[in-house]
C-alpha atoms as a PDB file:
ATOM      1  CA  MET A   1     -73.230 -40.196 210.415  1.00  0.00           C
ATOM      2  CA  SER A   2     -70.186 -41.576 207.708  1.00  0.00           C
ATOM      3  CA  ALA A   3     -70.028 -45.272 207.273  1.00  0.00           C
ATOM      4  CA  ILE A   4     -66.907 -46.394 208.769  1.00  0.00           C
ATOM      5  CA  ARG A   5     -64.676 -49.641 207.684  1.00  0.00           C
ATOM      6  CA  ASN A   6     -62.461 -50.770 210.739  1.00  0.00           C
ATOM      7  CA  GLN A   7     -59.360 -52.218 211.136  1.00  0.00           C
ATOM      8  CA  ILE A   8     -56.824 -53.392 213.787  1.00  0.00           C
ATOM      9  CA  ILE A   9     -52.954 -53.431 213.035  1.00  0.00           C
ATOM     10  CA  PRO A  10     -50.485 -55.125 214.984  1.00  0.00           C
ATOM     11  CA  ILE A  11     -47.672 -52.940 215.641  1.00  0.00           C
ATOM     12  CA  GLU A  12     -44.316 -54.427 214.928  1.00  0.00           C
ATOM     13  CA  VAL A  13     -41.119 -52.707 216.635  1.00  0.00           C
ATOM     14  CA  ARG A  14     -39.631 -53.663 219.871  1.00  0.00           C
ATOM     15  CA  THR A  15     -37.377 -51.670 221.789  1.00  0.00           C
ATOM     16  CA  PRO A  16     -35.099 -52.593 225.398  1.00  0.00           C
ATOM     17  CA  GLY A  17     -38.130 -50.933 226.850  1.00  0.00           C
ATOM     18  CA  ALA A  18     -40.965 -53.192 225.174  1.00  0.00           C
ATOM     19  CA  GLY A  19     -43.318 -55.490 227.600  1.00  0.00           C
ATOM     20  CA  ASP A  20     -45.415 -58.480 226.786  1.00  0.00           C
ATOM     21  CA  PHE A  21     -48.410 -56.388 225.559  1.00  0.00           C
ATOM     22  CA  VAL A  22     -49.134 -56.321 221.858  1.00  0.00           C
ATOM     23  CA  PRO A  23     -49.589 -52.581 220.779  1.00  0.00           C
ATOM     24  CA  THR A  24     -52.095 -51.958 218.095  1.00  0.00           C
ATOM     25  CA  VAL A  25     -53.736 -49.647 215.813  1.00  0.00           C
ATOM     26  CA  THR A  26     -57.162 -49.298 214.858  1.00  0.00           C
ATOM     27  CA  ALA A  27     -57.837 -47.723 211.684  1.00  0.00           C
ATOM     28  CA  TYR A  28     -61.257 -45.833 211.447  1.00  0.00           C
ATOM     29  CA  LEU A  29     -61.850 -45.146 207.476  1.00  0.00           C
ATOM     30  CA  PRO A  30     -64.832 -43.170 206.372  1.00  0.00           C
ATOM     31  CA  GLU A  31     -66.517 -44.986 202.675  1.00  0.00           C
ATOM     32  CA  GLY A  32     -66.849 -42.541 200.319  1.00  0.00           C
ATOM     33  CA  GLY A  33     -66.055 -38.685 200.620  1.00  0.00           C
ATOM     34  CA  GLU A  34     -63.685 -36.714 199.212  1.00  0.00           C
ATOM     35  CA  LEU A  35     -60.285 -38.268 197.965  1.00  0.00           C
ATOM     36  CA  PRO A  36     -57.293 -37.804 199.054  1.00  0.00           C
ATOM     37  CA  ARG A  37     -58.295 -37.271 202.863  1.00  0.00           C
ATOM     38  CA  PRO A  38     -56.422 -35.973 205.763  1.00  0.00           C
ATOM     39  CA  ALA A  39     -55.307 -38.289 208.400  1.00  0.00           C
ATOM     40  CA  VAL A  40     -55.442 -38.042 212.406  1.00  0.00           C
ATOM     41  CA  VAL A  41     -53.150 -40.723 214.090  1.00  0.00           C
ATOM     42  CA  ILE A  42     -54.914 -40.279 218.260  1.00  0.00           C
ATOM     43  CA  PHE A  43     -53.081 -41.326 221.468  1.00  0.00           C
ATOM     44  CA  SER A  44     -55.476 -41.272 224.643  1.00  0.00           C
ATOM     45  CA  GLY A  45     -53.449 -40.418 228.189  1.00  0.00           C
ATOM     46  CA  GLY A  46     -53.434 -42.227 230.831  1.00  0.00           C
ATOM     47  CA  ALA A  47     -50.211 -40.968 232.790  1.00  0.00           C
ATOM     48  CA  TYR A  48     -48.076 -43.826 230.550  1.00  0.00           C
ATOM     49  CA  LYS A  49     -50.103 -46.087 233.223  1.00  0.00           C
ATOM     50  CA  VAL A  50     -53.291 -46.886 230.743  1.00  0.00           C
ATOM     51  CA  VAL A  51     -54.736 -45.814 227.530  1.00  0.00           C
ATOM     52  CA  SER A  52     -57.599 -44.086 228.027  1.00  0.00           C
ATOM     53  CA  GLN A  53     -60.337 -45.438 226.193  1.00  0.00           C
ATOM     54  CA  TYR A  54     -62.838 -42.398 226.501  1.00  0.00           C
ATOM     55  CA  GLU A  55     -60.786 -39.642 224.359  1.00  0.00           C
ATOM     56  CA  ALA A  56     -60.195 -42.062 221.414  1.00  0.00           C
ATOM     57  CA  ALA A  57     -63.013 -43.779 219.736  1.00  0.00           C
ATOM     58  CA  PRO A  58     -65.559 -40.460 219.902  1.00  0.00           C
ATOM     59  CA  THR A  59     -62.866 -38.307 218.848  1.00  0.00           C
ATOM     60  CA  ALA A  60     -61.734 -40.587 215.565  1.00  0.00           C
ATOM     61  CA  ARG A  61     -65.587 -41.006 215.492  1.00  0.00           C
ATOM     62  CA  LYS A  62     -65.824 -37.413 215.304  1.00  0.00           C
ATOM     63  CA  TYR A  63     -63.211 -36.592 212.644  1.00  0.00           C
ATOM     64  CA  VAL A  64     -64.289 -39.461 210.362  1.00  0.00           C
ATOM     65  CA  ASP A  65     -67.826 -37.864 210.029  1.00  0.00           C
ATOM     66  CA  ARG A  66     -65.606 -35.010 209.121  1.00  0.00           C
ATOM     67  CA  GLY A  67     -63.977 -36.708 206.096  1.00  0.00           C
ATOM     68  CA  PHE A  68     -60.912 -37.906 208.165  1.00  0.00           C
ATOM     69  CA  ALA A  69     -59.155 -41.264 208.169  1.00  0.00           C
ATOM     70  CA  ALA A  70     -58.463 -41.176 211.980  1.00  0.00           C
ATOM     71  CA  PHE A  71     -56.027 -43.687 213.697  1.00  0.00           C
ATOM     72  CA  THR A  72     -56.293 -44.804 217.570  1.00  0.00           C
ATOM     73  CA  VAL A  73     -52.969 -46.472 218.797  1.00  0.00           C
ATOM     74  CA  SER A  74     -52.926 -48.732 221.855  1.00  0.00           C
ATOM     75  CA  TYR A  75     -49.670 -48.024 222.929  1.00  0.00           C
ATOM     76  CA  SER A  76     -47.170 -49.451 225.633  1.00  0.00           C
ATOM     77  CA  CYS A  77     -47.708 -48.541 228.949  1.00  0.00           C
ATOM     78  CA  MET A  78     -46.016 -49.315 232.171  1.00  0.00           C
ATOM     79  CA  PRO A  79     -43.435 -51.737 232.738  1.00  0.00           C
ATOM     80  CA  ALA A  80     -42.708 -50.655 228.987  1.00  0.00           C
ATOM     81  CA  THR A  81     -40.343 -47.388 229.212  1.00  0.00           C
ATOM     82  CA  PHE A  82     -38.915 -45.334 226.768  1.00  0.00           C
ATOM     83  CA  PRO A  83     -38.305 -45.055 223.964  1.00  0.00           C
ATOM     84  CA  GLN A  84     -40.942 -48.423 223.407  1.00  0.00           C
ATOM     85  CA  SER A  85     -43.907 -46.203 223.048  1.00  0.00           C
ATOM     86  CA  LEU A  86     -42.490 -42.989 221.119  1.00  0.00           C
ATOM     87  CA  CYS A  87     -41.100 -45.793 218.691  1.00  0.00           C
ATOM     88  CA  GLU A  88     -44.502 -47.346 218.206  1.00  0.00           C
ATOM     89  CA  GLY A  89     -46.135 -43.927 217.402  1.00  0.00           C
ATOM     90  CA  LEU A  90     -43.620 -42.972 214.745  1.00  0.00           C
ATOM     91  CA  TRP A  91     -44.103 -46.610 213.109  1.00  0.00           C
ATOM     92  CA  THR A  92     -47.731 -46.027 213.183  1.00  0.00           C
ATOM     93  CA  VAL A  93     -47.191 -42.314 211.216  1.00  0.00           C
ATOM     94  CA  ARG A  94     -44.952 -44.564 208.428  1.00  0.00           C
ATOM     95  CA  TYR A  95     -47.547 -47.150 208.542  1.00  0.00           C
ATOM     96  CA  VAL A  96     -49.928 -44.725 207.492  1.00  0.00           C
ATOM     97  CA  ARG A  97     -48.107 -42.762 205.069  1.00  0.00           C
ATOM     98  CA  GLU A  98     -47.128 -46.353 203.331  1.00  0.00           C
ATOM     99  CA  HIS A  99     -50.660 -47.412 203.147  1.00  0.00           C
ATOM    100  CA  ALA A 100     -52.232 -44.030 201.797  1.00  0.00           C
ATOM    101  CA  ALA A 101     -53.185 -44.656 198.700  1.00  0.00           C
ATOM    102  CA  GLU A 102     -54.809 -47.615 199.569  1.00  0.00           C
ATOM    103  CA  TRP A 103     -56.492 -45.544 202.244  1.00  0.00           C
ATOM    104  CA  GLY A 104     -57.219 -42.950 200.593  1.00  0.00           C
ATOM    105  CA  VAL A 105     -54.667 -40.485 202.375  1.00  0.00           C
ATOM    106  CA  ASP A 106     -53.041 -37.395 201.943  1.00  0.00           C
ATOM    107  CA  PRO A 107     -49.899 -38.874 202.683  1.00  0.00           C
ATOM    108  CA  GLY A 108     -48.095 -35.102 203.176  1.00  0.00           C
ATOM    109  CA  ASN A 109     -51.302 -34.454 205.425  1.00  0.00           C
ATOM    110  CA  ILE A 110     -50.981 -36.714 208.510  1.00  0.00           C
ATOM    111  CA  THR A 111     -51.555 -35.229 212.449  1.00  0.00           C
ATOM    112  CA  ALA A 112     -50.542 -36.732 215.799  1.00  0.00           C
ATOM    113  CA  MET A 113     -52.982 -35.507 218.209  1.00  0.00           C
ATOM    114  CA  GLY A 114     -52.544 -37.004 221.818  1.00  0.00           C
ATOM    115  CA  PHE A 115     -54.076 -35.655 225.207  1.00  0.00           C
ATOM    116  CA  SER A 116     -52.369 -35.408 228.334  1.00  0.00           C
ATOM    117  CA  ALA A 117     -49.788 -38.069 228.516  1.00  0.00           C
ATOM    118  CA  GLY A 118     -50.516 -38.945 224.897  1.00  0.00           C
ATOM    119  CA  GLY A 119     -50.183 -35.188 224.358  1.00  0.00           C
ATOM    120  CA  HIS A 120     -46.295 -35.839 225.511  1.00  0.00           C
ATOM    121  CA  LEU A 121     -46.093 -38.884 223.047  1.00  0.00           C
ATOM    122  CA  ALA A 122     -47.266 -36.702 220.242  1.00  0.00           C
ATOM    123  CA  ALA A 123     -44.884 -33.898 221.197  1.00  0.00           C
ATOM    124  CA  CYS A 124     -42.090 -36.608 221.350  1.00  0.00           C
ATOM    125  CA  MET A 125     -42.877 -37.963 217.970  1.00  0.00           C
ATOM    126  CA  GLY A 126     -42.612 -33.988 216.355  1.00  0.00           C
ATOM    127  CA  THR A 127     -39.623 -33.353 218.343  1.00  0.00           C
ATOM    128  CA  LEU A 128     -37.407 -36.675 218.596  1.00  0.00           C
ATOM    129  CA  TRP A 129     -38.372 -38.174 215.222  1.00  0.00           C
ATOM    130  CA  GLU A 130     -34.694 -37.436 214.074  1.00  0.00           C
ATOM    131  CA  ARG A 131     -32.758 -38.434 217.234  1.00  0.00           C
ATOM    132  CA  PRO A 132     -29.664 -41.228 216.603  1.00  0.00           C
ATOM    133  CA  GLU A 133     -31.262 -43.024 219.380  1.00  0.00           C
ATOM    134  CA  LEU A 134     -34.053 -44.396 217.561  1.00  0.00           C
ATOM    135  CA  GLU A 135     -31.985 -45.575 214.780  1.00  0.00           C
ATOM    136  CA  ASP A 136     -31.851 -49.113 215.434  1.00  0.00           C
ATOM    137  CA  PHE A 137     -35.469 -49.310 215.823  1.00  0.00           C
ATOM    138  CA  LEU A 138     -36.677 -47.321 212.873  1.00  0.00           C
ATOM    139  CA  GLY A 139     -33.629 -46.819 210.660  1.00  0.00           C
ATOM    140  CA  ALA A 140     -31.505 -44.272 209.338  1.00  0.00           C
ATOM    141  CA  GLY A 141     -34.111 -42.208 207.268  1.00  0.00           C
ATOM    142  CA  ARG A 142     -36.905 -41.222 209.117  1.00  0.00           C
ATOM    143  CA  GLU A 143     -38.350 -38.738 207.543  1.00  0.00           C
ATOM    144  CA  ASP A 144     -41.646 -40.701 206.805  1.00  0.00           C
ATOM    145  CA  CYS A 145     -42.106 -41.482 210.367  1.00  0.00           C
ATOM    146  CA  ARG A 146     -42.431 -37.515 211.127  1.00  0.00           C
ATOM    147  CA  PRO A 147     -45.961 -36.093 211.270  1.00  0.00           C
ATOM    148  CA  ASP A 148     -46.896 -33.296 209.360  1.00  0.00           C
ATOM    149  CA  ARG A 149     -48.361 -31.455 212.419  1.00  0.00           C
ATOM    150  CA  LEU A 150     -49.307 -31.853 216.131  1.00  0.00           C
ATOM    151  CA  VAL A 151     -52.502 -31.350 218.035  1.00  0.00           C
ATOM    152  CA  LEU A 152     -51.763 -31.404 221.627  1.00  0.00           C
ATOM    153  CA  CYS A 153     -54.859 -31.189 224.090  1.00  0.00           C
ATOM    154  CA  TYR A 154     -53.805 -30.834 227.807  1.00  0.00           C
ATOM    155  CA  PRO A 155     -50.988 -32.367 227.301  1.00  0.00           C
ATOM    156  CA  VAL A 156     -48.670 -33.400 229.667  1.00  0.00           C
ATOM    157  CA  LEU A 157     -44.768 -31.638 228.603  1.00  0.00           C
ATOM    158  CA  SER A 158     -42.335 -30.549 230.786  1.00  0.00           C
ATOM    159  CA  ASN A 159     -40.693 -32.581 233.747  1.00  0.00           C
ATOM    160  CA  GLU A 160     -39.121 -29.482 235.308  1.00  0.00           C
ATOM    161  CA  GLY A 161     -40.189 -27.419 238.501  1.00  0.00           C
ATOM    162  CA  GLU A 162     -44.089 -28.277 238.880  1.00  0.00           C
ATOM    163  CA  TYR A 163     -45.237 -31.259 236.747  1.00  0.00           C
ATOM    164  CA  HIS A 164     -47.450 -34.400 236.192  1.00  0.00           C
ATOM    165  CA  ARG A 165     -44.618 -36.585 237.557  1.00  0.00           C
ATOM    166  CA  GLU A 166     -46.350 -39.333 237.628  1.00  0.00           C
ATOM    167  CA  SER A 167     -46.431 -39.556 233.931  1.00  0.00           C
ATOM    168  CA  PHE A 168     -42.665 -39.413 233.705  1.00  0.00           C
ATOM    169  CA  LEU A 169     -41.981 -42.187 236.462  1.00  0.00           C
ATOM    170  CA  ASN A 170     -44.080 -44.253 234.424  1.00  0.00           C
ATOM    171  CA  LEU A 171     -42.572 -43.659 231.575  1.00  0.00           C
ATOM    172  CA  LEU A 172     -39.153 -43.958 232.620  1.00  0.00           C
ATOM    173  CA  GLY A 173     -39.426 -46.336 235.320  1.00  0.00           C
ATOM    174  CA  GLN A 174     -38.002 -46.358 238.760  1.00  0.00           C
ATOM    175  CA  ARG A 175     -34.301 -46.792 237.988  1.00  0.00           C
ATOM    176  CA  ARG A 176     -34.550 -44.274 235.195  1.00  0.00           C
ATOM    177  CA  ALA A 177     -36.561 -41.640 236.080  1.00  0.00           C
ATOM    178  CA  GLU A 178     -33.733 -39.693 237.828  1.00  0.00           C
ATOM    179  CA  ASP A 179     -31.150 -39.909 234.993  1.00  0.00           C
ATOM    180  CA  GLU A 180     -31.015 -36.168 234.051  1.00  0.00           C
ATOM    181  CA  THR A 181     -29.925 -37.438 230.264  1.00  0.00           C
ATOM    182  CA  LEU A 182     -33.426 -39.296 229.913  1.00  0.00           C
ATOM    183  CA  ARG A 183     -34.958 -36.454 231.725  1.00  0.00           C
ATOM    184  CA  ARG A 184     -33.916 -33.718 229.560  1.00  0.00           C
ATOM    185  CA  LEU A 185     -34.447 -35.672 226.329  1.00  0.00           C
ATOM    186  CA  THR A 186     -38.262 -36.228 227.456  1.00  0.00           C
ATOM    187  CA  CYS A 187     -38.648 -32.910 227.916  1.00  0.00           C
ATOM    188  CA  PRO A 188     -39.850 -31.685 224.439  1.00  0.00           C
ATOM    189  CA  GLU A 189     -39.139 -28.166 224.998  1.00  0.00           C
ATOM    190  CA  HIS A 190     -35.390 -28.339 225.046  1.00  0.00           C
ATOM    191  CA  HIS A 191     -36.120 -29.990 221.251  1.00  0.00           C
ATOM    192  CA  VAL A 192     -37.834 -28.132 219.090  1.00  0.00           C
ATOM    193  CA  GLY A 193     -36.258 -27.262 216.293  1.00  0.00           C
ATOM    194  CA  PRO A 194     -36.770 -25.700 212.419  1.00  0.00           C
ATOM    195  CA  ARG A 195     -38.438 -29.345 211.557  1.00  0.00           C
ATOM    196  CA  THR A 196     -40.868 -29.494 214.244  1.00  0.00           C
ATOM    197  CA  PRO A 197     -43.992 -29.650 212.495  1.00  0.00           C
ATOM    198  CA  PRO A 198     -46.869 -26.939 213.007  1.00  0.00           C
ATOM    199  CA  VAL A 199     -48.503 -27.167 216.564  1.00  0.00           C
ATOM    200  CA  PHE A 200     -51.953 -26.664 217.206  1.00  0.00           C
ATOM    201  CA  LEU A 201     -51.959 -26.539 221.501  1.00  0.00           C
ATOM    202  CA  TRP A 202     -54.676 -25.960 224.140  1.00  0.00           C
ATOM    203  CA  HIS A 203     -54.534 -26.513 227.713  1.00  0.00           C
ATOM    204  CA  GLY A 204     -57.090 -25.102 230.929  1.00  0.00           C
ATOM    205  CA  PHE A 205     -55.732 -22.748 233.102  1.00  0.00           C
ATOM    206  CA  ALA A 206     -57.630 -23.995 235.783  1.00  0.00           C
ATOM    207  CA  ASP A 207     -55.932 -27.804 235.289  1.00  0.00           C
ATOM    208  CA  THR A 208     -54.505 -29.101 238.688  1.00  0.00           C
ATOM    209  CA  ALA A 209     -53.453 -32.384 237.742  1.00  0.00           C
ATOM    210  CA  VAL A 210     -50.780 -30.901 234.908  1.00  0.00           C
ATOM    211  CA  PRO A 211     -49.744 -27.602 235.525  1.00  0.00           C
ATOM    212  CA  VAL A 212     -50.240 -25.124 232.385  1.00  0.00           C
ATOM    213  CA  ILE A 213     -46.636 -23.580 232.427  1.00  0.00           C
ATOM    214  CA  GLY A 214     -45.379 -26.728 231.018  1.00  0.00           C
ATOM    215  CA  SER A 215     -47.821 -25.728 227.801  1.00  0.00           C
ATOM    216  CA  ILE A 216     -46.897 -22.056 227.841  1.00  0.00           C
ATOM    217  CA  ARG A 217     -43.230 -23.073 227.963  1.00  0.00           C
ATOM    218  CA  PHE A 218     -43.275 -25.230 225.038  1.00  0.00           C
ATOM    219  CA  ALA A 219     -45.008 -22.673 223.353  1.00  0.00           C
ATOM    220  CA  GLU A 220     -42.143 -19.998 223.988  1.00  0.00           C
ATOM    221  CA  ALA A 221     -39.859 -22.474 222.943  1.00  0.00           C
ATOM    222  CA  LEU A 222     -42.058 -22.964 219.454  1.00  0.00           C
ATOM    223  CA  ALA A 223     -42.365 -19.869 219.347  1.00  0.00           C
ATOM    224  CA  ALA A 224     -38.532 -19.136 219.623  1.00  0.00           C
ATOM    225  CA  HIS A 225     -37.697 -21.260 217.154  1.00  0.00           C
ATOM    226  CA  GLY A 226     -40.580 -19.971 214.396  1.00  0.00           C
ATOM    227  CA  VAL A 227     -42.324 -22.779 214.360  1.00  0.00           C
ATOM    228  CA  TYR A 228     -46.178 -21.896 213.315  1.00  0.00           C
ATOM    229  CA  THR A 229     -48.691 -22.159 216.758  1.00  0.00           C
ATOM    230  CA  GLU A 230     -51.601 -22.220 217.809  1.00  0.00           C
ATOM    231  CA  PHE A 231     -52.658 -22.204 221.211  1.00  0.00           C
ATOM    232  CA  HIS A 232     -55.628 -21.675 222.955  1.00  0.00           C
ATOM    233  CA  LEU A 233     -55.712 -21.124 226.888  1.00  0.00           C
ATOM    234  CA  TYR A 234     -59.201 -21.639 228.539  1.00  0.00           C
ATOM    235  CA  PRO A 235     -59.245 -20.274 231.939  1.00  0.00           C
ATOM    236  CA  PHE A 236     -61.876 -21.913 233.229  1.00  0.00           C
ATOM    237  CA  ALA A 237     -61.193 -25.579 232.088  1.00  0.00           C
ATOM    238  CA  GLY A 238     -59.705 -28.125 234.230  1.00  0.00           C
ATOM    239  CA  HIS A 239     -57.603 -32.048 233.086  1.00  0.00           C
ATOM    240  CA  GLY A 240     -59.214 -34.128 230.636  1.00  0.00           C
ATOM    241  CA  GLY A 241     -62.574 -34.733 229.112  1.00  0.00           C
ATOM    242  CA  GLY A 242     -61.459 -35.440 225.888  1.00  0.00           C
ATOM    243  CA  LEU A 243     -63.920 -33.656 223.409  1.00  0.00           C
ATOM    244  CA  ASN A 244     -65.569 -31.592 226.128  1.00  0.00           C
ATOM    245  CA  ARG A 245     -68.894 -31.528 224.620  1.00  0.00           C
ATOM    246  CA  GLY A 246     -71.155 -28.911 226.113  1.00  0.00           C
ATOM    247  CA  THR A 247     -68.342 -26.887 228.081  1.00  0.00           C
ATOM    248  CA  ASP A 248     -66.613 -23.553 226.686  1.00  0.00           C
ATOM    249  CA  GLN A 249     -63.559 -25.261 225.396  1.00  0.00           C
ATOM    250  CA  GLY A 250     -65.647 -27.809 223.379  1.00  0.00           C
ATOM    251  CA  GLU A 251     -64.854 -25.354 220.718  1.00  0.00           C
ATOM    252  CA  TRP A 252     -61.478 -26.851 220.355  1.00  0.00           C
ATOM    253  CA  SER A 253     -62.183 -29.608 218.410  1.00  0.00           C
ATOM    254  CA  ASP A 254     -63.640 -27.506 215.376  1.00  0.00           C
ATOM    255  CA  LYS A 255     -60.832 -25.587 215.305  1.00  0.00           C
ATOM    256  CA  ALA A 256     -58.052 -28.125 215.401  1.00  0.00           C
ATOM    257  CA  GLU A 257     -59.894 -29.641 212.236  1.00  0.00           C
ATOM    258  CA  ARG A 258     -59.615 -26.135 210.738  1.00  0.00           C
ATOM    259  CA  PHE A 259     -55.792 -26.295 212.127  1.00  0.00           C
ATOM    260  CA  MET A 260     -55.518 -29.867 209.979  1.00  0.00           C
ATOM    261  CA  ARG A 261     -56.801 -29.041 206.921  1.00  0.00           C
ATOM    262  CA  ASP A 262     -55.100 -25.607 206.711  1.00  0.00           C
ATOM    263  CA  GLU A 263     -53.277 -25.888 203.406  1.00  0.00           C
ATOM    264  CA  ARG A 264     -50.796 -22.851 204.364  1.00  0.00           C
ATOM    265  CA  LEU A 265     -49.478 -25.469 206.999  1.00  0.00           C
ATOM    266  CA  ARG A 266     -48.402 -27.808 204.031  1.00  0.00           C
ATOM    267  CA  GLY A 267     -44.464 -29.134 203.897  1.00  0.00           C
ATOM    268  CA  MET A 268     -44.122 -26.691 207.259  1.00  0.00           C
ATOM    269  CA  GLY A 269     -40.778 -28.133 208.778  1.00  0.00           C
ATOM    270  CA  ARG A 270     -39.802 -30.530 206.049  1.00  0.00           C
ATOM    271  CA  LEU A 271     -36.892 -30.881 203.763  1.00  0.00           C
ATOM    272  CA  PRO A 272     -37.529 -28.996 200.305  1.00  0.00           C
ATOM    273  CA  ASP A 273     -37.221 -31.944 198.729  1.00  0.00           C
ATOM    274  CA  ALA A 274     -39.177 -34.127 201.137  1.00  0.00           C
ATOM    275  CA  ASP A 275     -42.389 -34.259 199.334  1.00  0.00           C
END
């Protein structure tokens, strides 16, 4: 086990969807090791109703033991609504990048990792970071908010056809949940483009909570736009489980580590002069 230095950071961004909750980032910083180190920013699930704990700290500690700087985000959930949690996630990536030298982080290798509804949040970070709707809260230049890679674990992605309705009801609120413009805006498959970062995606075929078809459609959109994608479909995996130790799908975290370290992915989707 690596020695870990912890730090809790309040998130300083508020949108019209903000509530009274104070969102925070917990930094897990390894003592020693090779520098600069990759970073992973972790968003647990919970249907935008709560932020799960079992997917957060255990995952952070695993990657700290592997030489990463890890950050878990206690983001805003209901009654807070879109785009508050999205802005919190993008703010966190910017904050980590701004403090890269202090924390020994590689500013060009920051991954957003999300589980379930947290996977939706991470996917939105990778597809909506340039949207003009966010300018009032994060500024006009947001290249520093963009994650370099995405790792999506049994994610909520689509809000069309068969999907996890509770997540989108909590994200948008009762009054706005049927607004077609907002529904399309919060459906990441419609916003994939050439500046979407590389994606590692896994889902269980036996998932009865969040239909796998959403991940399949997202992977199709990524492929159609030439975005590098690594997609693992586990035939007997259900929903949840975090690291899923002791299961067939438990290999995902090691595969994701290789993805997050792969130098061939560096700079994919960025402007040529961004680094």
